[in-house]
Protein backbone atom coordinates (compact mmCIF):
# COMPACT_ATOMS: atom_id res chain seq x y z
CA UNK A 1 30.40 -8.08 7.56
CA UNK A 2 29.13 -5.85 4.75
CA UNK A 3 25.57 -6.51 3.62
CA UNK A 4 25.09 -7.98 0.13
CA UNK A 5 22.50 -5.70 -1.46
CA UNK A 6 20.26 -7.38 -4.04
CA UNK A 7 17.27 -5.00 -4.02
CA UNK A 8 16.81 -1.27 -3.77
CA UNK A 9 13.33 -1.73 -2.33
CA UNK A 10 11.03 -4.50 -1.11
CA UNK A 11 7.44 -3.25 -1.45
CA UNK A 12 5.09 -4.97 1.04
CA UNK A 13 1.31 -5.00 1.44
CA UNK A 14 -1.76 -4.45 -0.67
CA UNK A 15 -1.84 -6.21 -4.06
CA UNK A 16 -5.04 -5.97 -6.04
CA UNK A 17 -6.67 -6.31 -9.42
CA UNK A 18 -8.48 -3.08 -10.26
CA UNK A 19 -11.50 -3.38 -12.56
CA UNK A 20 -12.18 0.00 -14.23
CA UNK A 21 -15.85 0.40 -15.06
CA UNK A 22 -17.48 3.37 -16.80
CA UNK A 23 -18.36 5.95 -17.56
CA UNK A 24 -21.21 6.07 -15.07
CA UNK A 25 -23.25 8.79 -13.38
CA UNK A 26 -21.98 9.03 -9.81
CA UNK A 27 -24.15 11.85 -8.46
CA UNK A 28 -27.36 9.85 -8.81
CA UNK A 29 -28.23 6.58 -7.01
CA UNK A 30 -28.25 3.41 -9.09
CA UNK A 31 -31.81 2.16 -9.62
CA UNK A 32 -32.43 -1.32 -8.18
CA UNK A 33 -32.76 -3.96 -10.88
CA UNK A 34 -31.90 -1.55 -13.66
CA UNK A 35 -29.39 -2.34 -16.43
CA UNK A 36 -26.69 0.35 -16.81
CA UNK A 37 -24.57 0.37 -19.96
CA UNK A 38 -20.89 1.33 -19.85
CA UNK A 39 -18.20 1.72 -22.51
CA UNK A 40 -15.18 0.37 -20.65
CA UNK A 41 -14.20 -2.63 -18.57
CA UNK A 42 -10.46 -2.74 -18.00
CA UNK A 43 -8.44 -4.95 -15.65
CA UNK A 44 -5.19 -3.53 -14.29
CA UNK A 45 -2.95 -4.28 -11.33
CA UNK A 46 -3.24 -2.04 -8.31
CA UNK A 47 -2.27 -1.61 -4.67
CA UNK A 48 1.07 -0.43 -3.35
CA UNK A 49 3.04 -3.42 -4.59
CA UNK A 50 1.86 -2.82 -8.14
CA UNK A 51 1.73 0.99 -8.18
CA UNK A 52 4.89 1.85 -6.23
CA UNK A 53 6.66 -1.32 -7.32
CA UNK A 54 6.14 -0.55 -11.01
CA UNK A 55 7.14 3.11 -10.55
CA UNK A 56 10.36 2.13 -8.82
CA UNK A 57 11.19 -0.52 -11.39
CA UNK A 58 10.66 1.92 -14.27
CA UNK A 59 13.03 4.34 -12.54
CA UNK A 60 15.69 1.64 -12.64
CA UNK A 61 15.35 0.44 -9.04
CA UNK A 62 15.84 -3.23 -8.29
CA UNK A 63 12.42 -4.03 -6.85
CA UNK A 64 10.82 -7.00 -5.10
CA UNK A 65 7.32 -7.44 -3.67
CA UNK A 66 6.03 -9.24 -0.58
CA UNK A 67 2.44 -10.11 0.22
CA UNK A 68 -0.51 -12.44 -0.24
CA UNK A 69 -2.45 -13.26 -3.40
CA UNK A 70 -5.18 -15.85 -3.94
CA UNK A 71 -5.15 -19.18 -5.71
CA UNK A 72 -7.06 -17.99 -8.79
CA UNK A 73 -6.68 -16.60 -12.29
CA UNK A 74 -6.19 -13.07 -10.97
CA UNK A 75 -3.05 -14.15 -9.11
CA UNK A 76 -1.41 -15.20 -12.37
CA UNK A 77 -2.55 -11.97 -13.99
CA UNK A 78 -0.74 -10.02 -11.24
CA UNK A 79 2.43 -12.10 -11.41
CA UNK A 80 2.62 -11.76 -15.19
CA UNK A 81 2.18 -7.97 -15.14
CA UNK A 82 4.74 -7.42 -12.37
CA UNK A 83 7.31 -9.78 -13.83
CA UNK A 84 6.95 -7.99 -17.15
CA UNK A 85 8.11 -4.85 -15.32
CA UNK A 86 11.19 -6.71 -14.05
CA UNK A 87 9.86 -7.02 -10.47
CA UNK A 88 10.95 -9.97 -8.32
CA UNK A 89 7.73 -11.80 -7.36
CA UNK A 90 9.23 -14.60 -5.24
CA UNK A 91 7.70 -12.94 -2.16
CA UNK A 92 4.12 -13.15 -3.47
CA UNK A 93 2.64 -15.96 -1.41
CA UNK A 94 -0.59 -17.85 -2.22
CA UNK A 95 -3.09 -17.52 0.63
CA UNK A 96 -4.58 -20.93 1.55
CA UNK A 97 -8.19 -19.68 1.80
CA UNK A 98 -8.87 -16.18 0.43
CA UNK A 99 -9.14 -14.98 -3.11
CA UNK A 100 -6.99 -12.27 -4.69
CA UNK A 101 -7.99 -8.77 -3.61
CA UNK A 102 -10.18 -7.00 -6.16
CA UNK A 103 -11.38 -3.40 -6.38
CA UNK A 104 -14.12 -2.28 -8.72
CA UNK A 105 -13.53 1.38 -9.69
CA UNK A 106 -16.56 3.12 -11.15
CA UNK A 107 -15.59 6.29 -13.00
CA UNK A 108 -17.65 9.12 -14.51
CA UNK A 109 -17.00 11.40 -17.47
CA UNK A 110 -14.82 13.69 -15.33
CA UNK A 111 -12.77 10.74 -14.04
CA UNK A 112 -14.14 11.10 -10.51
CA UNK A 113 -14.64 7.69 -9.05
CA UNK A 114 -16.19 5.43 -6.45
CA UNK A 115 -14.64 2.16 -5.35
CA UNK A 116 -16.03 -1.23 -4.29
CA UNK A 117 -13.34 -3.34 -2.60
CA UNK A 118 -13.03 -6.97 -1.60
CA UNK A 119 -9.91 -6.82 0.71
CA UNK A 120 -9.22 -10.50 0.09
CA UNK A 121 -5.82 -12.13 0.55
CA UNK A 122 -3.55 -9.09 0.53
CA UNK A 123 -5.16 -7.61 3.64
CA UNK A 124 -3.95 -10.66 5.58
CA UNK A 125 -0.24 -9.82 5.48
CA UNK A 126 0.97 -10.65 8.97
CA UNK A 127 3.92 -10.78 11.35
CA UNK A 128 4.58 -14.45 10.72
CA UNK A 129 4.91 -14.03 6.96
CA UNK A 130 7.22 -11.03 7.32
CA UNK A 131 9.48 -12.62 9.92
CA UNK A 132 9.66 -15.72 7.77
CA UNK A 133 11.03 -13.53 4.97
CA UNK A 134 13.24 -11.30 7.16
CA UNK A 135 16.35 -12.33 5.27
CA UNK A 136 14.94 -10.63 2.17
CA UNK A 137 15.10 -7.29 3.97
CA UNK A 138 18.74 -7.82 4.89
CA UNK A 139 19.42 -7.77 1.16
CA UNK A 140 17.49 -4.56 0.49
CA UNK A 141 18.19 -0.88 0.95
CA UNK A 142 14.54 -0.01 1.67
CA UNK A 143 11.27 -1.65 2.76
CA UNK A 144 8.06 0.15 1.76
CA UNK A 145 4.79 -0.87 3.45
CA UNK A 146 1.21 0.11 2.59
CA UNK A 147 -1.35 0.89 3.05
CA UNK A 148 -1.54 1.73 6.74
CA UNK A 149 -5.18 1.26 7.71
CA UNK A 150 -5.76 -1.58 5.30
CA UNK A 151 -3.30 -4.16 6.67
CA UNK A 152 -5.84 -5.58 9.06
CA UNK A 153 -3.75 -8.49 10.42
CA UNK A 154 -0.56 -6.43 10.80
CA UNK A 155 -1.61 -3.17 12.41
CA UNK A 156 -0.79 -4.04 16.03
CA UNK A 157 2.42 -5.82 15.03
CA UNK A 158 3.80 -3.02 12.82
CA UNK A 159 5.97 -1.45 15.56
CA UNK A 160 7.65 -4.80 16.19
CA UNK A 161 7.99 -5.63 12.50
CA UNK A 162 9.53 -2.26 11.60
CA UNK A 163 11.98 -2.53 14.48
CA UNK A 164 13.10 -5.99 13.34
CA UNK A 165 13.50 -4.89 9.72
CA UNK A 166 15.66 -1.93 10.76
CA UNK A 167 17.92 -4.33 12.69
CA UNK A 168 18.82 -5.94 9.35
CA UNK A 169 20.19 -2.54 8.15
CA UNK A 170 17.21 -1.95 5.85
CA UNK A 171 15.56 1.49 5.88
CA UNK A 172 11.80 1.60 6.43
CA UNK A 173 9.01 3.61 4.78
CA UNK A 174 5.21 3.51 4.94
CA UNK A 175 2.36 4.87 2.83
CA UNK A 176 -1.16 5.41 4.17
CA UNK A 177 -4.73 5.40 2.95
CA UNK A 178 -7.35 7.96 3.99
CA UNK A 179 -9.24 5.86 6.57
CA UNK A 180 -9.09 6.09 10.34
CA UNK A 181 -8.32 8.97 12.63
CA UNK A 182 -6.63 7.33 15.61
CA UNK A 183 -2.98 7.97 16.45
CA UNK A 184 -2.73 4.34 17.56
CA UNK A 185 -0.83 2.28 16.68
CA UNK A 186 0.82 4.91 14.45
CA UNK A 187 2.35 6.63 17.47
CA UNK A 188 4.28 3.43 18.26
CA UNK A 189 5.33 2.89 14.65
CA UNK A 190 6.72 6.37 13.91
CA UNK A 191 10.02 5.95 15.85
CA UNK A 192 10.88 3.00 13.61
CA UNK A 193 10.19 4.72 10.28
CA UNK A 194 12.78 6.45 8.12
CA UNK A 195 10.02 7.88 5.88
CA UNK A 196 6.23 8.13 5.89
CA UNK A 197 3.75 9.79 3.58
CA UNK A 198 0.32 10.77 4.93
CA UNK A 199 -2.89 11.99 3.33
CA UNK A 200 -4.05 15.46 4.36
CA UNK A 201 -7.57 14.29 5.25
CA UNK A 202 -6.22 11.71 7.70
CA UNK A 203 -3.62 14.12 9.14
CA UNK A 204 -6.20 16.83 9.86
CA UNK A 205 -8.32 14.31 11.76
CA UNK A 206 -5.36 12.83 13.68
CA UNK A 207 -3.71 16.09 14.67
CA UNK A 208 -6.47 18.67 14.66
CA UNK A 209 -4.18 20.91 12.58
CA UNK A 210 -4.77 22.37 9.09
CA UNK A 211 -1.38 24.01 8.40
CA UNK A 212 1.21 21.53 7.04
CA UNK A 213 4.05 22.80 9.22
CA UNK A 214 1.93 22.30 12.36
CA UNK A 215 0.89 18.89 11.14
CA UNK A 216 4.55 17.88 10.85
CA UNK A 217 5.29 19.20 14.34
CA UNK A 218 2.41 17.17 15.81
CA UNK A 219 4.01 13.96 14.52
CA UNK A 220 7.47 15.03 15.67
CA UNK A 221 6.00 15.52 19.16
CA UNK A 222 4.88 11.88 19.31
CA UNK A 223 8.20 10.40 18.22
CA UNK A 224 8.57 10.72 14.42
CA UNK A 225 12.22 11.12 13.49
CA UNK A 226 12.27 10.27 9.78
CA UNK A 227 11.12 12.07 6.63
CA UNK A 228 7.49 13.15 6.83
CA UNK A 229 5.47 13.92 3.71
CA UNK A 230 1.93 15.34 3.68
CA UNK A 231 -0.07 14.68 0.48
CA UNK A 232 -2.10 17.83 -0.19
CA UNK A 233 -4.17 16.49 -3.07
CA UNK A 234 -4.49 19.03 -5.90
CA UNK A 235 -2.27 21.45 -3.94
CA UNK A 236 0.73 19.10 -4.23
CA UNK A 237 2.80 17.74 -1.39
């Protein structure tokens, strides 16, 4: 029986509110008890569901999101922004205990930044939630997960989850952050991914290689069969 495709991509994982604060001086320590004046406080949506989800929707892709948000005013802020972009938010589930994830981003005059993060609800995405929504993936061409390293309750279950999603006929992709250097559990996830993008800093630590071609080969040698992308920062990808 042919699959009935409703979505081009279901984006799963980190969903945050980003509070942009600045400009500030980042190369000097903040003095205890001091009052620091800034010109800007801006609230925007962030995380992979917002960033990649919005980009996909604006490119004309039928996009849905899956993950946890809190039971607070920030949750409605996120829903409103994503729905305005035409994103299906039926997979955004209210976490029974934790607040919506929030990141404070302190920027300086050159737009360099430092971040203060409360992982909150979205870091609790887990096997049970995904398997309870497995039918959603059967109606999608792609599933995009992120960020590897920040999905605290899902890390060990990612190999199983990706395998089950692929059984529905849905292609799988994953984006990473720049934390952690271990090849585990990534080594067990790679065979179940159709595409993965990795940050150069993490790749150098994981593989011990500095040349992109050798980095790619290192992942191939541990089972990667899909598309591999290395983010090279200002040098491109």
